[in-house]
């Protein structure tokens, strides 16, 4: 056996020793967590480029409304405010409101 094949054998033995004994054992160590039905987030971003400063504040949420035939129906709501320090033609404040309806099952997202 040459050195190259010996290294491969050692590597394969190390990988086999570090792997779980079976798929059932690996599932027992880390059971899958269910996906949360509702979520909420807030965010803040600041950009600065050659005298054009921008601050962005926002909130987003996703709310589970009901289940219809195995498909989850959710509402998505978001609001965002963009403030700039640029004088002139660009607006000093911009607002964005987003409202959406989502459908999701095991295989599809709409």
N, C-alpha and C. Protein backbone atom coordinates (compact mmCIF):
# COMPACT_ATOMS: atom_id res chain seq x y z
N UNK A 1 0.85 -1.15 0.00
CA UNK A 1 0.00 0.00 0.00
C UNK A 1 0.91 1.23 0.00
N UNK A 2 0.62 2.14 -0.90
CA UNK A 2 1.45 3.34 -0.93
C UNK A 2 0.92 4.39 0.05
N UNK A 3 1.64 5.46 0.20
CA UNK A 3 1.33 6.50 1.18
C UNK A 3 -0.01 7.18 0.89
N UNK A 4 -0.32 7.36 -0.38
CA UNK A 4 -1.57 8.03 -0.77
C UNK A 4 -2.79 7.22 -0.33
N UNK A 5 -2.77 5.92 -0.57
CA UNK A 5 -3.88 5.06 -0.18
C UNK A 5 -3.96 4.94 1.33
N UNK A 6 -2.85 4.97 2.02
CA UNK A 6 -2.84 4.91 3.47
C UNK A 6 -3.51 6.13 4.08
N UNK A 7 -3.26 7.31 3.51
CA UNK A 7 -3.90 8.53 3.99
C UNK A 7 -5.41 8.48 3.78
N UNK A 8 -5.83 7.96 2.63
CA UNK A 8 -7.26 7.84 2.36
C UNK A 8 -7.92 6.91 3.37
N UNK A 9 -7.28 5.79 3.68
CA UNK A 9 -7.85 4.83 4.63
C UNK A 9 -7.96 5.45 6.02
N UNK A 10 -6.95 6.18 6.44
CA UNK A 10 -6.98 6.83 7.76
C UNK A 10 -8.09 7.88 7.80
N UNK A 11 -8.23 8.65 6.74
CA UNK A 11 -9.27 9.66 6.68
C UNK A 11 -10.66 9.02 6.74
N UNK A 12 -10.85 7.92 6.02
CA UNK A 12 -12.15 7.24 6.02
C UNK A 12 -12.45 6.67 7.41
N UNK A 13 -11.46 6.14 8.10
CA UNK A 13 -11.67 5.61 9.45
C UNK A 13 -12.04 6.73 10.43
N UNK A 14 -11.37 7.87 10.32
CA UNK A 14 -11.69 9.00 11.20
C UNK A 14 -13.11 9.51 10.96
N UNK A 15 -13.51 9.59 9.69
CA UNK A 15 -14.86 10.05 9.38
C UNK A 15 -15.90 9.06 9.87
N UNK A 16 -15.63 7.78 9.72
CA UNK A 16 -16.58 6.77 10.17
C UNK A 16 -16.70 6.77 11.70
N UNK A 17 -15.62 7.03 12.40
CA UNK A 17 -15.66 7.04 13.86
C UNK A 17 -16.40 8.26 14.39
N UNK A 18 -16.34 9.39 13.68
CA UNK A 18 -17.00 10.60 14.15
C UNK A 18 -18.47 10.66 13.75
N UNK A 19 -18.93 9.84 12.81
CA UNK A 19 -20.32 9.85 12.36
C UNK A 19 -21.19 9.10 13.36
N UNK A 20 -22.48 9.49 13.49
CA UNK A 20 -23.38 8.75 14.37
C UNK A 20 -23.57 7.31 13.88
N UNK A 21 -23.95 6.43 14.79
CA UNK A 21 -24.08 5.01 14.46
C UNK A 21 -25.18 4.77 13.44
N UNK A 22 -26.28 5.49 13.53
CA UNK A 22 -27.36 5.30 12.57
C UNK A 22 -28.13 6.61 12.44
N UNK A 23 -29.03 6.65 11.46
CA UNK A 23 -29.84 7.84 11.25
C UNK A 23 -30.79 8.06 12.43
N UNK A 24 -31.23 6.96 13.05
CA UNK A 24 -32.12 7.09 14.21
C UNK A 24 -31.41 7.75 15.38
N UNK A 25 -30.11 7.44 15.56
CA UNK A 25 -29.35 8.05 16.65
C UNK A 25 -29.16 9.54 16.42
N UNK A 26 -28.90 9.94 15.18
CA UNK A 26 -28.69 11.37 14.93
C UNK A 26 -29.98 12.15 15.13
N UNK A 27 -31.14 11.56 14.82
CA UNK A 27 -32.41 12.23 15.05
C UNK A 27 -32.73 12.35 16.52
N UNK A 28 -32.28 11.37 17.31
CA UNK A 28 -32.56 11.40 18.73
C UNK A 28 -31.76 12.51 19.42
N UNK A 29 -30.56 12.81 18.89
CA UNK A 29 -29.75 13.85 19.50
C UNK A 29 -30.29 15.24 19.19
N UNK A 30 -30.77 15.47 17.99
CA UNK A 30 -31.26 16.78 17.56
C UNK A 30 -32.63 16.63 16.93
N UNK A 31 -33.70 16.58 17.72
CA UNK A 31 -35.03 16.47 17.12
C UNK A 31 -35.36 17.76 16.37
N UNK A 32 -36.05 17.66 15.26
CA UNK A 32 -36.38 18.88 14.50
C UNK A 32 -37.34 19.76 15.27
N UNK A 33 -37.07 21.05 15.25
CA UNK A 33 -37.96 22.00 15.92
C UNK A 33 -39.02 22.44 14.93
N UNK A 34 -40.26 22.61 15.40
CA UNK A 34 -41.29 23.09 14.49
C UNK A 34 -41.06 24.55 14.11
N UNK A 35 -41.44 24.90 12.90
CA UNK A 35 -41.30 26.28 12.43
C UNK A 35 -42.31 27.16 13.16
N UNK A 36 -41.90 28.31 13.69
CA UNK A 36 -42.86 29.17 14.39
C UNK A 36 -43.91 29.71 13.42
N UNK A 37 -45.15 29.82 13.89
CA UNK A 37 -46.22 30.30 13.03
C UNK A 37 -46.25 31.82 12.96
N UNK A 38 -45.85 32.50 14.01
CA UNK A 38 -45.87 33.96 14.05
C UNK A 38 -44.46 34.49 14.27
N UNK A 39 -44.18 35.64 13.69
CA UNK A 39 -42.86 36.24 13.87
C UNK A 39 -42.99 37.76 13.82
N UNK A 40 -42.03 38.42 14.43
CA UNK A 40 -41.95 39.88 14.41
C UNK A 40 -40.48 40.28 14.44
N UNK A 41 -40.15 41.35 13.75
CA UNK A 41 -38.76 41.80 13.70
C UNK A 41 -38.73 43.32 13.56
N UNK A 42 -37.68 43.92 14.09
CA UNK A 42 -37.43 45.34 13.86
C UNK A 42 -36.01 45.46 13.31
N UNK A 43 -35.79 46.51 12.54
CA UNK A 43 -34.47 46.68 11.93
C UNK A 43 -34.12 48.16 11.82
N UNK A 44 -32.83 48.41 11.83
CA UNK A 44 -32.31 49.75 11.65
C UNK A 44 -31.07 49.65 10.76
N UNK A 45 -30.98 50.52 9.76
CA UNK A 45 -29.84 50.53 8.86
C UNK A 45 -29.42 51.96 8.63
N UNK A 46 -28.12 52.22 8.60
CA UNK A 46 -27.60 53.55 8.30
C UNK A 46 -26.62 53.43 7.14
N UNK A 47 -26.79 54.30 6.13
CA UNK A 47 -25.90 54.34 4.97
C UNK A 47 -25.34 55.75 4.85
N UNK A 48 -24.08 55.86 4.44
CA UNK A 48 -23.48 57.16 4.22
C UNK A 48 -22.58 57.07 2.99
N UNK A 49 -22.83 57.94 2.02
CA UNK A 49 -22.01 57.94 0.80
C UNK A 49 -21.93 59.36 0.24
N UNK A 50 -20.78 59.98 0.33
CA UNK A 50 -20.49 61.29 -0.26
C UNK A 50 -21.58 62.33 0.04
N UNK A 51 -21.87 62.55 1.30
CA UNK A 51 -22.83 63.58 1.68
C UNK A 51 -24.28 63.16 1.62
N UNK A 52 -24.56 61.94 1.19
CA UNK A 52 -25.94 61.45 1.15
C UNK A 52 -26.10 60.44 2.27
N UNK A 53 -26.57 60.91 3.41
CA UNK A 53 -26.75 60.03 4.57
C UNK A 53 -28.20 59.56 4.61
N UNK A 54 -28.37 58.31 4.96
CA UNK A 54 -29.70 57.72 4.98
C UNK A 54 -29.85 56.84 6.21
N UNK A 55 -30.96 56.97 6.90
CA UNK A 55 -31.30 56.10 8.03
C UNK A 55 -32.60 55.40 7.71
N UNK A 56 -32.65 54.11 7.97
CA UNK A 56 -33.83 53.31 7.65
C UNK A 56 -34.29 52.57 8.90
N UNK A 57 -35.54 52.77 9.29
CA UNK A 57 -36.14 52.11 10.44
C UNK A 57 -37.31 51.28 9.94
N UNK A 58 -37.48 50.09 10.45
CA UNK A 58 -38.59 49.27 9.98
C UNK A 58 -39.03 48.22 10.98
N UNK A 59 -40.28 47.80 10.83
CA UNK A 59 -40.81 46.67 11.58
C UNK A 59 -41.52 45.75 10.59
N UNK A 60 -41.47 44.45 10.87
CA UNK A 60 -42.11 43.46 10.01
C UNK A 60 -42.72 42.39 10.90
N UNK A 61 -43.84 41.85 10.47
CA UNK A 61 -44.44 40.75 11.22
C UNK A 61 -45.15 39.81 10.26
N UNK A 62 -45.24 38.57 10.67
CA UNK A 62 -45.96 37.55 9.93
C UNK A 62 -46.88 36.85 10.92
N UNK A 63 -48.17 36.82 10.64
CA UNK A 63 -49.17 36.28 11.55
C UNK A 63 -49.92 35.13 10.89
N UNK A 64 -49.98 34.00 11.56
CA UNK A 64 -50.74 32.86 11.05
C UNK A 64 -52.22 33.13 11.26
N UNK A 65 -53.01 33.12 10.20
CA UNK A 65 -54.44 33.40 10.31
C UNK A 65 -55.24 32.12 10.55
N UNK A 66 -55.11 31.14 9.64
CA UNK A 66 -55.82 29.88 9.78
C UNK A 66 -55.21 28.86 8.82
N UNK A 67 -55.68 27.62 8.94
CA UNK A 67 -55.23 26.53 8.07
C UNK A 67 -56.41 26.06 7.23
N UNK A 68 -56.18 25.92 5.94
CA UNK A 68 -57.23 25.52 5.02
C UNK A 68 -56.75 24.31 4.22
N UNK A 69 -57.25 23.12 4.54
CA UNK A 69 -56.88 21.92 3.80
C UNK A 69 -55.39 21.61 3.82
N UNK A 70 -54.73 21.79 4.95
CA UNK A 70 -53.31 21.52 5.06
C UNK A 70 -52.42 22.67 4.61
N UNK A 71 -53.03 23.77 4.17
CA UNK A 71 -52.26 24.93 3.72
C UNK A 71 -52.41 26.05 4.74
N UNK A 72 -51.30 26.58 5.23
CA UNK A 72 -51.32 27.67 6.19
C UNK A 72 -51.50 29.01 5.50
N UNK A 73 -52.41 29.82 5.99
CA UNK A 73 -52.67 31.16 5.46
C UNK A 73 -52.10 32.16 6.44
N UNK A 74 -51.21 33.04 5.97
CA UNK A 74 -50.57 34.02 6.83
C UNK A 74 -50.75 35.43 6.27
N UNK A 75 -50.71 36.39 7.16
CA UNK A 75 -50.72 37.81 6.79
C UNK A 75 -49.34 38.38 7.10
N UNK A 76 -48.82 39.17 6.18
CA UNK A 76 -47.53 39.82 6.40
C UNK A 76 -47.74 41.32 6.38
N UNK A 77 -47.23 41.97 7.41
CA UNK A 77 -47.40 43.40 7.56
C UNK A 77 -46.04 44.02 7.85
N UNK A 78 -45.72 45.12 7.18
CA UNK A 78 -44.45 45.79 7.40
C UNK A 78 -44.58 47.29 7.23
N UNK A 79 -43.78 48.03 7.95
CA UNK A 79 -43.75 49.48 7.83
C UNK A 79 -42.29 49.91 7.91
N UNK A 80 -41.95 50.92 7.11
CA UNK A 80 -40.57 51.37 7.04
C UNK A 80 -40.54 52.88 6.85
N UNK A 81 -39.58 53.53 7.51
CA UNK A 81 -39.36 54.97 7.36
C UNK A 81 -37.91 55.18 6.94
N UNK A 82 -37.72 55.95 5.87
CA UNK A 82 -36.38 56.27 5.39
C UNK A 82 -36.18 57.78 5.53
N UNK A 83 -35.17 58.17 6.28
CA UNK A 83 -34.85 59.59 6.49
C UNK A 83 -33.50 59.89 5.86
N UNK A 84 -33.43 60.98 5.09
CA UNK A 84 -32.18 61.38 4.44
C UNK A 84 -31.79 62.78 4.88
N UNK A 85 -30.51 63.10 4.73
CA UNK A 85 -30.02 64.44 5.04
C UNK A 85 -29.64 65.20 3.78
N UNK A 86 -30.08 64.73 2.63
CA UNK A 86 -29.74 65.36 1.35
C UNK A 86 -30.69 66.52 1.06
N UNK A 87 -30.20 67.75 1.01
CA UNK A 87 -31.07 68.85 0.64
C UNK A 87 -31.32 68.85 -0.88
N UNK A 88 -32.44 69.42 -1.27
CA UNK A 88 -32.68 69.53 -2.71
C UNK A 88 -33.90 68.74 -3.15
N UNK A 89 -33.76 68.05 -4.29
CA UNK A 89 -34.90 67.41 -4.91
C UNK A 89 -35.30 66.08 -4.27
N UNK A 90 -34.41 65.44 -3.55
CA UNK A 90 -34.73 64.15 -2.94
C UNK A 90 -35.52 64.39 -1.66
N UNK A 91 -36.63 63.66 -1.44
CA UNK A 91 -37.43 63.89 -0.22
C UNK A 91 -36.65 63.56 1.05
N UNK A 92 -36.93 64.32 2.11
CA UNK A 92 -36.23 64.11 3.37
C UNK A 92 -36.73 62.87 4.09
N UNK A 93 -38.00 62.51 3.88
CA UNK A 93 -38.57 61.33 4.52
C UNK A 93 -39.41 60.54 3.52
N UNK A 94 -39.24 59.24 3.54
CA UNK A 94 -40.05 58.32 2.72
C UNK A 94 -40.66 57.28 3.64
N UNK A 95 -41.88 56.87 3.34
CA UNK A 95 -42.56 55.84 4.13
C UNK A 95 -43.00 54.71 3.21
N UNK A 96 -42.94 53.49 3.73
CA UNK A 96 -43.34 52.32 2.96
C UNK A 96 -44.19 51.43 3.86
N UNK A 97 -45.39 51.11 3.42
CA UNK A 97 -46.27 50.21 4.14
C UNK A 97 -46.54 49.01 3.25
N UNK A 98 -46.32 47.81 3.78
CA UNK A 98 -46.51 46.59 3.01
C UNK A 98 -47.51 45.70 3.72
N UNK A 99 -48.50 45.23 2.97
CA UNK A 99 -49.48 44.28 3.48
C UNK A 99 -49.56 43.14 2.47
N UNK A 100 -49.45 41.91 2.93
CA UNK A 100 -49.48 40.78 2.02
C UNK A 100 -50.21 39.59 2.62
N UNK A 101 -50.60 38.68 1.75
CA UNK A 101 -51.25 37.44 2.13
C UNK A 101 -50.42 36.30 1.59
N UNK A 102 -50.11 35.31 2.42
CA UNK A 102 -49.27 34.21 1.99
C UNK A 102 -49.93 32.86 2.21
N UNK A 103 -49.60 31.89 1.35
CA UNK A 103 -50.07 30.52 1.44
C UNK A 103 -48.86 29.61 1.48
N UNK A 104 -48.91 28.59 2.34
CA UNK A 104 -47.76 27.69 2.43
C UNK A 104 -48.22 26.30 2.86
N UNK A 105 -47.70 25.27 2.15
CA UNK A 105 -47.87 23.90 2.61
C UNK A 105 -46.49 23.23 2.56
N UNK A 106 -46.44 21.93 2.62
CA UNK A 106 -45.14 21.24 2.67
C UNK A 106 -44.32 21.41 1.39
N UNK A 107 -44.99 21.61 0.25
CA UNK A 107 -44.28 21.66 -1.04
C UNK A 107 -44.35 23.01 -1.74
N UNK A 108 -45.24 23.89 -1.33
CA UNK A 108 -45.49 25.13 -2.10
C UNK A 108 -45.52 26.34 -1.18
N UNK A 109 -45.10 27.47 -1.75
CA UNK A 109 -45.17 28.76 -1.08
C UNK A 109 -45.72 29.75 -2.10
N UNK A 110 -46.72 30.54 -1.71
CA UNK A 110 -47.26 31.55 -2.62
C UNK A 110 -47.51 32.83 -1.83
